[in-house]
Amino acid sequence: MLSLRSAQFIAATWHLVLCKPGQNHIACRNIRGMGFDVFMPLHMSDRRRRGRLQQEPMPVFKGYVFVSA
């Protein structure tokens, strides 16, 4: 993920992109490959897998990615 200083973040024009369900990471990779800056905030979430709790990063806004033009 791109980290921007607050002045750069505010000055940039941001657009919201709707993604297919569960495909945020693929959309980010493809949009970055086109030369755009991408912002997808993540939070740690507990998920149960095979009877165990695992923490993994999940998008804060599921199905959406912010793109700077």
PDB file of N, CA and C in Angstrom:
ATOM      1  N   MET A   1       0.839  -1.166   0.000  1.00  0.00           N
ATOM      2  CA  MET A   1       0.000   0.000   0.000  1.00  0.00           C
ATOM      3  C   MET A   1       0.888   1.235   0.000  1.00  0.00           C
ATOM      4  N   LEU A   2       0.457   2.235  -0.702  1.00  0.00           N
ATOM      5  CA  LEU A   2       1.198   3.482  -0.799  1.00  0.00           C
ATOM      6  C   LEU A   2       0.959   4.315   0.449  1.00  0.00           C
ATOM      7  N   SER A   3       2.017   4.838   1.036  1.00  0.00           N
ATOM      8  CA  SER A   3       1.851   5.727   2.179  1.00  0.00           C
ATOM      9  C   SER A   3       2.135   7.147   1.723  1.00  0.00           C
ATOM     10  N   LEU A   4       1.218   8.031   2.045  1.00  0.00           N
ATOM     11  CA  LEU A   4       1.321   9.421   1.637  1.00  0.00           C
ATOM     12  C   LEU A   4       1.359  10.323   2.851  1.00  0.00           C
ATOM     13  N   ARG A   5       2.064  11.436   2.744  1.00  0.00           N
ATOM     14  CA  ARG A   5       2.019  12.440   3.801  1.00  0.00           C
ATOM     15  C   ARG A   5       0.649  13.101   3.760  1.00  0.00           C
ATOM     16  N   SER A   6       0.231  13.662   4.873  1.00  0.00           N
ATOM     17  CA  SER A   6      -1.116  14.221   4.951  1.00  0.00           C
ATOM     18  C   SER A   6      -1.355  15.308   3.909  1.00  0.00           C
ATOM     19  N   ALA A   7      -0.372  16.152   3.621  1.00  0.00           N
ATOM     20  CA  ALA A   7      -0.553  17.207   2.625  1.00  0.00           C
ATOM     21  C   ALA A   7      -0.751  16.617   1.235  1.00  0.00           C
ATOM     22  N   GLN A   8      -0.004  15.562   0.912  1.00  0.00           N
ATOM     23  CA  GLN A   8      -0.157  14.911  -0.388  1.00  0.00           C
ATOM     24  C   GLN A   8      -1.502  14.200  -0.474  1.00  0.00           C
ATOM     25  N   PHE A   9      -1.927  13.601   0.630  1.00  0.00           N
ATOM     26  CA  PHE A   9      -3.172  12.838   0.651  1.00  0.00           C
ATOM     27  C   PHE A   9      -4.359  13.755   0.408  1.00  0.00           C
ATOM     28  N   ILE A  10      -4.368  14.922   1.050  1.00  0.00           N
ATOM     29  CA  ILE A  10      -5.485  15.850   0.915  1.00  0.00           C
ATOM     30  C   ILE A  10      -5.506  16.481  -0.475  1.00  0.00           C
ATOM     31  N   ALA A  11      -4.335  16.777  -1.031  1.00  0.00           N
ATOM     32  CA  ALA A  11      -4.258  17.450  -2.321  1.00  0.00           C
ATOM     33  C   ALA A  11      -4.636  16.544  -3.484  1.00  0.00           C
ATOM     34  N   ALA A  12      -4.569  15.251  -3.320  1.00  0.00           N
ATOM     35  CA  ALA A  12      -4.851  14.325  -4.413  1.00  0.00           C
ATOM     36  C   ALA A  12      -6.358  14.224  -4.666  1.00  0.00           C
ATOM     37  N   THR A  13      -6.727  13.935  -5.916  1.00  0.00           N
ATOM     38  CA  THR A  13      -8.116  13.666  -6.274  1.00  0.00           C
ATOM     39  C   THR A  13      -8.341  12.168  -6.174  1.00  0.00           C
ATOM     40  N   TRP A  14      -9.300  11.762  -5.347  1.00  0.00           N
ATOM     41  CA  TRP A  14      -9.547  10.344  -5.115  1.00  0.00           C
ATOM     42  C   TRP A  14     -10.890   9.928  -5.701  1.00  0.00           C
ATOM     43  N   HIS A  15     -10.924   8.720  -6.246  1.00  0.00           N
ATOM     44  CA  HIS A  15     -12.146   8.135  -6.803  1.00  0.00           C
ATOM     45  C   HIS A  15     -12.393   6.803  -6.097  1.00  0.00           C
ATOM     46  N   LEU A  16     -13.644   6.422  -5.994  1.00  0.00           N
ATOM     47  CA  LEU A  16     -14.026   5.167  -5.366  1.00  0.00           C
ATOM     48  C   LEU A  16     -14.351   4.158  -6.457  1.00  0.00           C
ATOM     49  N   VAL A  17     -13.726   2.986  -6.395  1.00  0.00           N
ATOM     50  CA  VAL A  17     -13.921   1.943  -7.399  1.00  0.00           C
ATOM     51  C   VAL A  17     -14.633   0.769  -6.745  1.00  0.00           C
ATOM     52  N   LEU A  18     -15.707   0.302  -7.363  1.00  0.00           N
ATOM     53  CA  LEU A  18     -16.449  -0.858  -6.890  1.00  0.00           C
ATOM     54  C   LEU A  18     -15.813  -2.116  -7.476  1.00  0.00           C
ATOM     55  N   CYS A  19     -15.511  -3.098  -6.616  1.00  0.00           N
ATOM     56  CA  CYS A  19     -14.854  -4.343  -7.039  1.00  0.00           C
ATOM     57  C   CYS A  19     -15.813  -5.509  -6.923  1.00  0.00           C
ATOM     58  N   LYS A  20     -15.472  -6.595  -7.570  1.00  0.00           N
ATOM     59  CA  LYS A  20     -16.225  -7.830  -7.393  1.00  0.00           C
ATOM     60  C   LYS A  20     -16.054  -8.298  -5.953  1.00  0.00           C
ATOM     61  N   PRO A  21     -17.039  -8.985  -5.395  1.00  0.00           N
ATOM     62  CA  PRO A  21     -16.922  -9.453  -4.005  1.00  0.00           C
ATOM     63  C   PRO A  21     -15.688 -10.326  -3.793  1.00  0.00           C
ATOM     64  N   GLY A  22     -14.901  -9.987  -2.766  1.00  0.00           N
ATOM     65  CA  GLY A  22     -13.717 -10.764  -2.418  1.00  0.00           C
ATOM     66  C   GLY A  22     -12.535 -10.596  -3.355  1.00  0.00           C
ATOM     67  N   GLN A  23     -12.594  -9.630  -4.269  1.00  0.00           N
ATOM     68  CA  GLN A  23     -11.522  -9.464  -5.254  1.00  0.00           C
ATOM     69  C   GLN A  23     -10.775  -8.140  -5.104  1.00  0.00           C
ATOM     70  N   ASN A  24     -10.837  -7.527  -3.921  1.00  0.00           N
ATOM     71  CA  ASN A  24     -10.174  -6.242  -3.702  1.00  0.00           C
ATOM     72  C   ASN A  24      -8.684  -6.309  -3.999  1.00  0.00           C
ATOM     73  N   HIS A  25      -8.024  -7.355  -3.517  1.00  0.00           N
ATOM     74  CA  HIS A  25      -6.574  -7.465  -3.700  1.00  0.00           C
ATOM     75  C   HIS A  25      -6.199  -7.580  -5.173  1.00  0.00           C
ATOM     76  N   ILE A  26      -7.003  -8.253  -5.968  1.00  0.00           N
ATOM     77  CA  ILE A  26      -6.727  -8.384  -7.399  1.00  0.00           C
ATOM     78  C   ILE A  26      -6.936  -7.045  -8.098  1.00  0.00           C
ATOM     79  N   ALA A  27      -8.002  -6.332  -7.710  1.00  0.00           N
ATOM     80  CA  ALA A  27      -8.256  -5.019  -8.294  1.00  0.00           C
ATOM     81  C   ALA A  27      -7.110  -4.065  -7.966  1.00  0.00           C
ATOM     82  N   CYS A  28      -6.630  -4.084  -6.720  1.00  0.00           N
ATOM     83  CA  CYS A  28      -5.501  -3.223  -6.329  1.00  0.00           C
ATOM     84  C   CYS A  28      -4.273  -3.513  -7.175  1.00  0.00           C
ATOM     85  N   ARG A  29      -3.973  -4.777  -7.344  1.00  0.00           N
ATOM     86  CA  ARG A  29      -2.788  -5.168  -8.127  1.00  0.00           C
ATOM     87  C   ARG A  29      -2.912  -4.685  -9.577  1.00  0.00           C
ATOM     88  N   ASN A  30      -4.083  -4.856 -10.169  1.00  0.00           N
ATOM     89  CA  ASN A  30      -4.278  -4.460 -11.561  1.00  0.00           C
ATOM     90  C   ASN A  30      -4.253  -2.945 -11.735  1.00  0.00           C
ATOM     91  N   ILE A  31      -4.871  -2.218 -10.808  1.00  0.00           N
ATOM     92  CA  ILE A  31      -4.896  -0.758 -10.901  1.00  0.00           C
ATOM     93  C   ILE A  31      -3.497  -0.190 -10.686  1.00  0.00           C
ATOM     94  N   ARG A  32      -2.739  -0.754  -9.730  1.00  0.00           N
ATOM     95  CA  ARG A  32      -1.348  -0.318  -9.527  1.00  0.00           C
ATOM     96  C   ARG A  32      -0.517  -0.560 -10.785  1.00  0.00           C
ATOM     97  N   GLY A  33      -0.773  -1.687 -11.453  1.00  0.00           N
ATOM     98  CA  GLY A  33      -0.058  -2.010 -12.686  1.00  0.00           C
ATOM     99  C   GLY A  33      -0.306  -1.000 -13.796  1.00  0.00           C
ATOM    100  N   MET A  34      -1.439  -0.296 -13.729  1.00  0.00           N
ATOM    101  CA  MET A  34      -1.755   0.745 -14.712  1.00  0.00           C
ATOM    102  C   MET A  34      -1.129   2.086 -14.342  1.00  0.00           C
ATOM    103  N   GLY A  35      -0.450   2.152 -13.184  1.00  0.00           N
ATOM    104  CA  GLY A  35       0.260   3.368 -12.808  1.00  0.00           C
ATOM    105  C   GLY A  35      -0.492   4.296 -11.869  1.00  0.00           C
ATOM    106  N   PHE A  36      -1.610   3.854 -11.293  1.00  0.00           N
ATOM    107  CA  PHE A  36      -2.370   4.679 -10.368  1.00  0.00           C
ATOM    108  C   PHE A  36      -1.977   4.366  -8.925  1.00  0.00           C
ATOM    109  N   ASP A  37      -2.219   5.335  -8.030  1.00  0.00           N
ATOM    110  CA  ASP A  37      -2.020   5.130  -6.602  1.00  0.00           C
ATOM    111  C   ASP A  37      -3.301   4.539  -6.030  1.00  0.00           C
ATOM    112  N   VAL A  38      -3.165   3.512  -5.190  1.00  0.00           N
ATOM    113  CA  VAL A  38      -4.316   2.806  -4.627  1.00  0.00           C
ATOM    114  C   VAL A  38      -4.260   2.881  -3.110  1.00  0.00           C
ATOM    115  N   PHE A  39      -5.427   3.068  -2.499  1.00  0.00           N
ATOM    116  CA  PHE A  39      -5.545   3.088  -1.036  1.00  0.00           C
ATOM    117  C   PHE A  39      -6.666   2.138  -0.648  1.00  0.00           C
ATOM    118  N   MET A  40      -6.322   1.104   0.123  1.00  0.00           N
ATOM    119  CA  MET A  40      -7.314   0.159   0.622  1.00  0.00           C
ATOM    120  C   MET A  40      -7.022  -0.070   2.106  1.00  0.00           C
ATOM    121  N   PRO A  41      -7.727   0.638   2.996  1.00  0.00           N
ATOM    122  CA  PRO A  41      -7.462   0.472   4.428  1.00  0.00           C
ATOM    123  C   PRO A  41      -7.835  -0.933   4.894  1.00  0.00           C
ATOM    124  N   LEU A  42      -7.001  -1.486   5.767  1.00  0.00           N
ATOM    125  CA  LEU A  42      -7.210  -2.843   6.291  1.00  0.00           C
ATOM    126  C   LEU A  42      -7.323  -2.806   7.808  1.00  0.00           C
ATOM    127  N   HIS A  43      -8.008  -3.784   8.368  1.00  0.00           N
ATOM    128  CA  HIS A  43      -8.055  -3.976   9.817  1.00  0.00           C
ATOM    129  C   HIS A  43      -7.875  -5.465  10.093  1.00  0.00           C
ATOM    130  N   MET A  44      -7.401  -5.788  11.283  1.00  0.00           N
ATOM    131  CA  MET A  44      -7.198  -7.189  11.650  1.00  0.00           C
ATOM    132  C   MET A  44      -8.531  -7.781  12.120  1.00  0.00           C
ATOM    133  N   SER A  45      -8.886  -8.914  11.570  1.00  0.00           N
ATOM    134  CA  SER A  45     -10.150  -9.564  11.893  1.00  0.00           C
ATOM    135  C   SER A  45      -9.886 -11.017  12.281  1.00  0.00           C
ATOM    136  N   ASP A  46     -10.655 -11.519  13.233  1.00  0.00           N
ATOM    137  CA  ASP A  46     -10.552 -12.919  13.646  1.00  0.00           C
ATOM    138  C   ASP A  46     -11.425 -13.783  12.746  1.00  0.00           C
ATOM    139  N   ARG A  47     -10.840 -14.864  12.225  1.00  0.00           N
ATOM    140  CA  ARG A  47     -11.590 -15.828  11.417  1.00  0.00           C
ATOM    141  C   ARG A  47     -11.320 -17.216  11.955  1.00  0.00           C
ATOM    142  N   ARG A  48     -12.321 -18.037  11.941  1.00  0.00           N
ATOM    143  CA  ARG A  48     -12.180 -19.408  12.417  1.00  0.00           C
ATOM    144  C   ARG A  48     -11.888 -20.310  11.216  1.00  0.00           C
ATOM    145  N   ARG A  49     -10.737 -20.993  11.291  1.00  0.00           N
ATOM    146  CA  ARG A  49     -10.347 -21.946  10.250  1.00  0.00           C
ATOM    147  C   ARG A  49      -9.915 -23.232  10.926  1.00  0.00           C
ATOM    148  N   ARG A  50     -10.547 -24.320  10.541  1.00  0.00           N
ATOM    149  CA  ARG A  50     -10.228 -25.641  11.088  1.00  0.00           C
ATOM    150  C   ARG A  50     -10.257 -25.637  12.610  1.00  0.00           C
ATOM    151  N   GLY A  51     -11.229 -24.921  13.173  1.00  0.00           N
ATOM    152  CA  GLY A  51     -11.402 -24.897  14.611  1.00  0.00           C
ATOM    153  C   GLY A  51     -10.503 -23.929  15.353  1.00  0.00           C
ATOM    154  N   ARG A  52      -9.641 -23.229  14.659  1.00  0.00           N
ATOM    155  CA  ARG A  52      -8.732 -22.274  15.300  1.00  0.00           C
ATOM    156  C   ARG A  52      -9.078 -20.863  14.870  1.00  0.00           C
ATOM    157  N   LEU A  53      -8.841 -19.928  15.782  1.00  0.00           N
ATOM    158  CA  LEU A  53      -9.004 -18.525  15.445  1.00  0.00           C
ATOM    159  C   LEU A  53      -7.704 -17.992  14.868  1.00  0.00           C
ATOM    160  N   GLN A  54      -7.805 -17.342  13.729  1.00  0.00           N
ATOM    161  CA  GLN A  54      -6.645 -16.734  13.093  1.00  0.00           C
ATOM    162  C   GLN A  54      -6.958 -15.276  12.814  1.00  0.00           C
ATOM    163  N   GLN A  55      -5.979 -14.421  13.032  1.00  0.00           N
ATOM    164  CA  GLN A  55      -6.138 -13.016  12.682  1.00  0.00           C
ATOM    165  C   GLN A  55      -5.579 -12.796  11.290  1.00  0.00           C
ATOM    166  N   GLU A  56      -6.348 -12.106  10.481  1.00  0.00           N
ATOM    167  CA  GLU A  56      -5.878 -11.787   9.146  1.00  0.00           C
ATOM    168  C   GLU A  56      -6.383 -10.408   8.747  1.00  0.00           C
ATOM    169  N   PRO A  57      -5.630  -9.720   7.900  1.00  0.00           N
ATOM    170  CA  PRO A  57      -6.069  -8.390   7.468  1.00  0.00           C
ATOM    171  C   PRO A  57      -7.266  -8.483   6.533  1.00  0.00           C
ATOM    172  N   MET A  58      -8.270  -7.650   6.799  1.00  0.00           N
ATOM    173  CA  MET A  58      -9.481  -7.595   5.978  1.00  0.00           C
ATOM    174  C   MET A  58      -9.720  -6.142   5.583  1.00  0.00           C
ATOM    175  N   PRO A  59     -10.272  -5.906   4.395  1.00  0.00           N
ATOM    176  CA  PRO A  59     -10.565  -4.533   3.984  1.00  0.00           C
ATOM    177  C   PRO A  59     -11.610  -3.892   4.900  1.00  0.00           C
ATOM    178  N   VAL A  60     -11.418  -2.618   5.213  1.00  0.00           N
ATOM    179  CA  VAL A  60     -12.397  -1.890   6.019  1.00  0.00           C
ATOM    180  C   VAL A  60     -13.682  -1.700   5.204  1.00  0.00           C
ATOM    181  N   PHE A  61     -13.530  -1.342   3.942  1.00  0.00           N
ATOM    182  CA  PHE A  61     -14.679  -1.150   3.049  1.00  0.00           C
ATOM    183  C   PHE A  61     -14.684  -2.290   2.052  1.00  0.00           C
ATOM    184  N   LYS A  62     -15.389  -3.362   2.360  1.00  0.00           N
ATOM    185  CA  LYS A  62     -15.403  -4.536   1.493  1.00  0.00           C
ATOM    186  C   LYS A  62     -16.009  -4.180   0.136  1.00  0.00           C
ATOM    187  N   GLY A  63     -15.303  -4.544  -0.909  1.00  0.00           N
ATOM    188  CA  GLY A  63     -15.793  -4.316  -2.259  1.00  0.00           C
ATOM    189  C   GLY A  63     -15.426  -2.960  -2.837  1.00  0.00           C
ATOM    190  N   TYR A  64     -14.681  -2.138  -2.093  1.00  0.00           N
ATOM    191  CA  TYR A  64     -14.326  -0.809  -2.582  1.00  0.00           C
ATOM    192  C   TYR A  64     -12.834  -0.554  -2.442  1.00  0.00           C
ATOM    193  N   VAL A  65     -12.281   0.192  -3.405  1.00  0.00           N
ATOM    194  CA  VAL A  65     -10.880   0.587  -3.410  1.00  0.00           C
ATOM    195  C   VAL A  65     -10.837   2.067  -3.798  1.00  0.00           C
ATOM    196  N   PHE A  66      -9.975   2.826  -3.125  1.00  0.00           N
ATOM    197  CA  PHE A  66      -9.799   4.243  -3.453  1.00  0.00           C
ATOM    198  C   PHE A  66      -8.624   4.372  -4.410  1.00  0.00           C
ATOM    199  N   VAL A  67      -8.833   5.157  -5.474  1.00  0.00           N
ATOM    200  CA  VAL A  67      -7.812   5.336  -6.519  1.00  0.00           C
ATOM    201  C   VAL A  67      -7.545   6.817  -6.699  1.00  0.00           C
ATOM    202  N   SER A  68      -6.266   7.195  -6.685  1.00  0.00           N
ATOM    203  CA  SER A  68      -5.871   8.582  -6.898  1.00  0.00           C
ATOM    204  C   SER A  68      -5.560   8.803  -8.364  1.00  0.00           C
ATOM    205  N   ALA A  69      -6.141   9.855  -8.906  1.00  0.00           N
ATOM    206  CA  ALA A  69      -5.933  10.156 -10.328  1.00  0.00           C
ATOM    207  C   ALA A  69      -4.941  11.286 -10.506  1.00  0.00           C
TER     208      ALA A  69
END
